[in-house]
Amino acid sequence: MATRGSKVERNSVSNQPHEIKYEAHKEGVSAEDITKAKKSAGNQRKNIEKKV
């Protein structure tokens, strides 16, 4: 049985607009910057935060 909010989902940033917007707001950068960091660093949240 799947659980809501599993660890896998917390550690990654999907391509959904609300997740990109949330991460951009949290880091204080634009959504475009998050998208670029995602392309070069992958989907892992910690890697994206380091890149930005």
N, C-alpha and C. Protein backbone atom coordinates (compact mmCIF):
# COMPACT_ATOMS: atom_id res chain seq x y z
N MET A 1 0.84 -1.18 0.00
CA MET A 1 0.00 0.00 0.00
C MET A 1 0.89 1.25 0.00
N ALA A 2 0.56 2.17 -0.85
CA ALA A 2 1.33 3.41 -0.95
C ALA A 2 0.94 4.34 0.18
N THR A 3 1.91 5.10 0.64
CA THR A 3 1.63 6.09 1.66
C THR A 3 1.72 7.47 1.04
N ARG A 4 0.99 8.38 1.59
CA ARG A 4 1.00 9.74 1.06
C ARG A 4 2.28 10.43 1.46
N GLY A 5 2.87 11.17 0.54
CA GLY A 5 4.07 11.94 0.83
C GLY A 5 5.27 11.08 1.16
N SER A 6 5.50 10.07 0.35
CA SER A 6 6.63 9.19 0.62
C SER A 6 7.95 9.94 0.51
N LYS A 7 9.00 9.40 1.09
CA LYS A 7 10.30 10.06 1.10
C LYS A 7 10.81 10.36 -0.30
N VAL A 8 10.52 9.50 -1.25
CA VAL A 8 10.99 9.70 -2.62
C VAL A 8 10.45 11.02 -3.15
N GLU A 9 9.21 11.31 -2.90
CA GLU A 9 8.61 12.54 -3.41
C GLU A 9 9.14 13.78 -2.70
N ARG A 10 9.50 13.65 -1.43
CA ARG A 10 10.00 14.81 -0.69
C ARG A 10 11.40 15.20 -1.15
N ASN A 11 12.15 14.24 -1.66
CA ASN A 11 13.54 14.50 -2.04
C ASN A 11 13.71 14.94 -3.47
N SER A 12 12.63 14.99 -4.23
CA SER A 12 12.76 15.37 -5.63
C SER A 12 11.80 16.50 -5.97
N VAL A 13 12.11 17.18 -7.07
CA VAL A 13 11.27 18.26 -7.57
C VAL A 13 10.75 17.82 -8.94
N SER A 14 9.44 17.72 -9.07
CA SER A 14 8.87 17.29 -10.35
C SER A 14 8.78 18.48 -11.30
N ASN A 15 8.27 18.25 -12.49
CA ASN A 15 8.10 19.32 -13.48
C ASN A 15 6.78 20.04 -13.32
N GLN A 16 6.03 19.73 -12.27
CA GLN A 16 4.75 20.39 -12.07
C GLN A 16 4.97 21.85 -11.68
N PRO A 17 4.20 22.75 -12.28
CA PRO A 17 4.42 24.18 -12.05
C PRO A 17 4.38 24.60 -10.58
N HIS A 18 3.50 24.00 -9.79
CA HIS A 18 3.42 24.42 -8.39
C HIS A 18 4.66 24.01 -7.60
N GLU A 19 5.30 22.92 -7.96
CA GLU A 19 6.52 22.51 -7.26
C GLU A 19 7.69 23.40 -7.64
N ILE A 20 7.79 23.76 -8.90
CA ILE A 20 8.86 24.65 -9.35
C ILE A 20 8.68 26.03 -8.72
N LYS A 21 7.44 26.51 -8.67
CA LYS A 21 7.14 27.80 -8.08
C LYS A 21 7.47 27.80 -6.58
N TYR A 22 7.13 26.73 -5.88
CA TYR A 22 7.42 26.62 -4.45
C TYR A 22 8.93 26.66 -4.21
N GLU A 23 9.67 25.88 -4.96
CA GLU A 23 11.13 25.81 -4.79
C GLU A 23 11.76 27.17 -5.11
N ALA A 24 11.27 27.84 -6.15
CA ALA A 24 11.79 29.15 -6.52
C ALA A 24 11.54 30.16 -5.39
N HIS A 25 10.35 30.14 -4.84
CA HIS A 25 10.01 31.06 -3.75
C HIS A 25 10.87 30.76 -2.52
N LYS A 26 11.06 29.50 -2.22
CA LYS A 26 11.85 29.09 -1.06
C LYS A 26 13.30 29.53 -1.18
N GLU A 27 13.85 29.43 -2.38
CA GLU A 27 15.25 29.79 -2.61
C GLU A 27 15.44 31.26 -2.95
N GLY A 28 14.35 31.99 -3.24
CA GLY A 28 14.45 33.40 -3.56
C GLY A 28 14.98 33.66 -4.96
N VAL A 29 14.68 32.77 -5.89
CA VAL A 29 15.10 32.92 -7.29
C VAL A 29 13.89 32.77 -8.19
N SER A 30 14.09 32.92 -9.50
CA SER A 30 12.98 32.78 -10.44
C SER A 30 12.73 31.31 -10.75
N ALA A 31 11.55 31.03 -11.26
CA ALA A 31 11.20 29.67 -11.66
C ALA A 31 12.10 29.19 -12.79
N GLU A 32 12.51 30.13 -13.63
CA GLU A 32 13.41 29.79 -14.75
C GLU A 32 14.77 29.31 -14.23
N ASP A 33 15.25 29.93 -13.15
CA ASP A 33 16.52 29.50 -12.55
C ASP A 33 16.41 28.07 -12.01
N ILE A 34 15.27 27.74 -11.42
CA ILE A 34 15.05 26.39 -10.89
C ILE A 34 15.01 25.39 -12.04
N THR A 35 14.34 25.76 -13.13
CA THR A 35 14.26 24.87 -14.29
C THR A 35 15.64 24.61 -14.87
N LYS A 36 16.46 25.64 -14.97
CA LYS A 36 17.82 25.47 -15.50
C LYS A 36 18.66 24.60 -14.57
N ALA A 37 18.53 24.83 -13.26
CA ALA A 37 19.28 24.02 -12.29
C ALA A 37 18.83 22.58 -12.34
N LYS A 38 17.54 22.37 -12.56
CA LYS A 38 16.99 21.02 -12.65
C LYS A 38 17.56 20.27 -13.85
N LYS A 39 17.72 20.98 -14.96
CA LYS A 39 18.26 20.34 -16.16
C LYS A 39 19.70 19.91 -15.96
N SER A 40 20.49 20.72 -15.25
CA SER A 40 21.90 20.38 -15.09
C SER A 40 22.18 19.51 -13.87
N ALA A 41 21.36 19.62 -12.82
CA ALA A 41 21.63 18.89 -11.58
C ALA A 41 20.75 17.67 -11.38
N GLY A 42 19.68 17.54 -12.15
CA GLY A 42 18.76 16.42 -11.96
C GLY A 42 17.58 16.81 -11.10
N ASN A 43 16.81 15.81 -10.66
CA ASN A 43 15.58 16.08 -9.92
C ASN A 43 15.75 16.15 -8.41
N GLN A 44 16.91 15.80 -7.90
CA GLN A 44 17.09 15.77 -6.45
C GLN A 44 17.09 17.18 -5.87
N ARG A 45 16.24 17.39 -4.87
CA ARG A 45 16.05 18.71 -4.26
C ARG A 45 17.37 19.27 -3.72
N LYS A 46 18.18 18.46 -3.04
CA LYS A 46 19.43 18.97 -2.45
C LYS A 46 20.41 19.41 -3.53
N ASN A 47 20.44 18.71 -4.66
CA ASN A 47 21.34 19.10 -5.76
C ASN A 47 20.89 20.40 -6.40
N ILE A 48 19.59 20.57 -6.54
CA ILE A 48 19.05 21.81 -7.11
C ILE A 48 19.37 22.99 -6.18
N GLU A 49 19.20 22.79 -4.87
CA GLU A 49 19.48 23.86 -3.92
C GLU A 49 20.95 24.26 -3.94
N LYS A 50 21.85 23.28 -4.10
CA LYS A 50 23.28 23.59 -4.19
C LYS A 50 23.58 24.38 -5.46
N LYS A 51 22.94 23.99 -6.57
CA LYS A 51 23.19 24.63 -7.86
C LYS A 51 22.73 26.08 -7.87
N VAL A 52 21.62 26.34 -7.19
CA VAL A 52 21.07 27.70 -7.16
C VAL A 52 21.84 28.48 -6.13
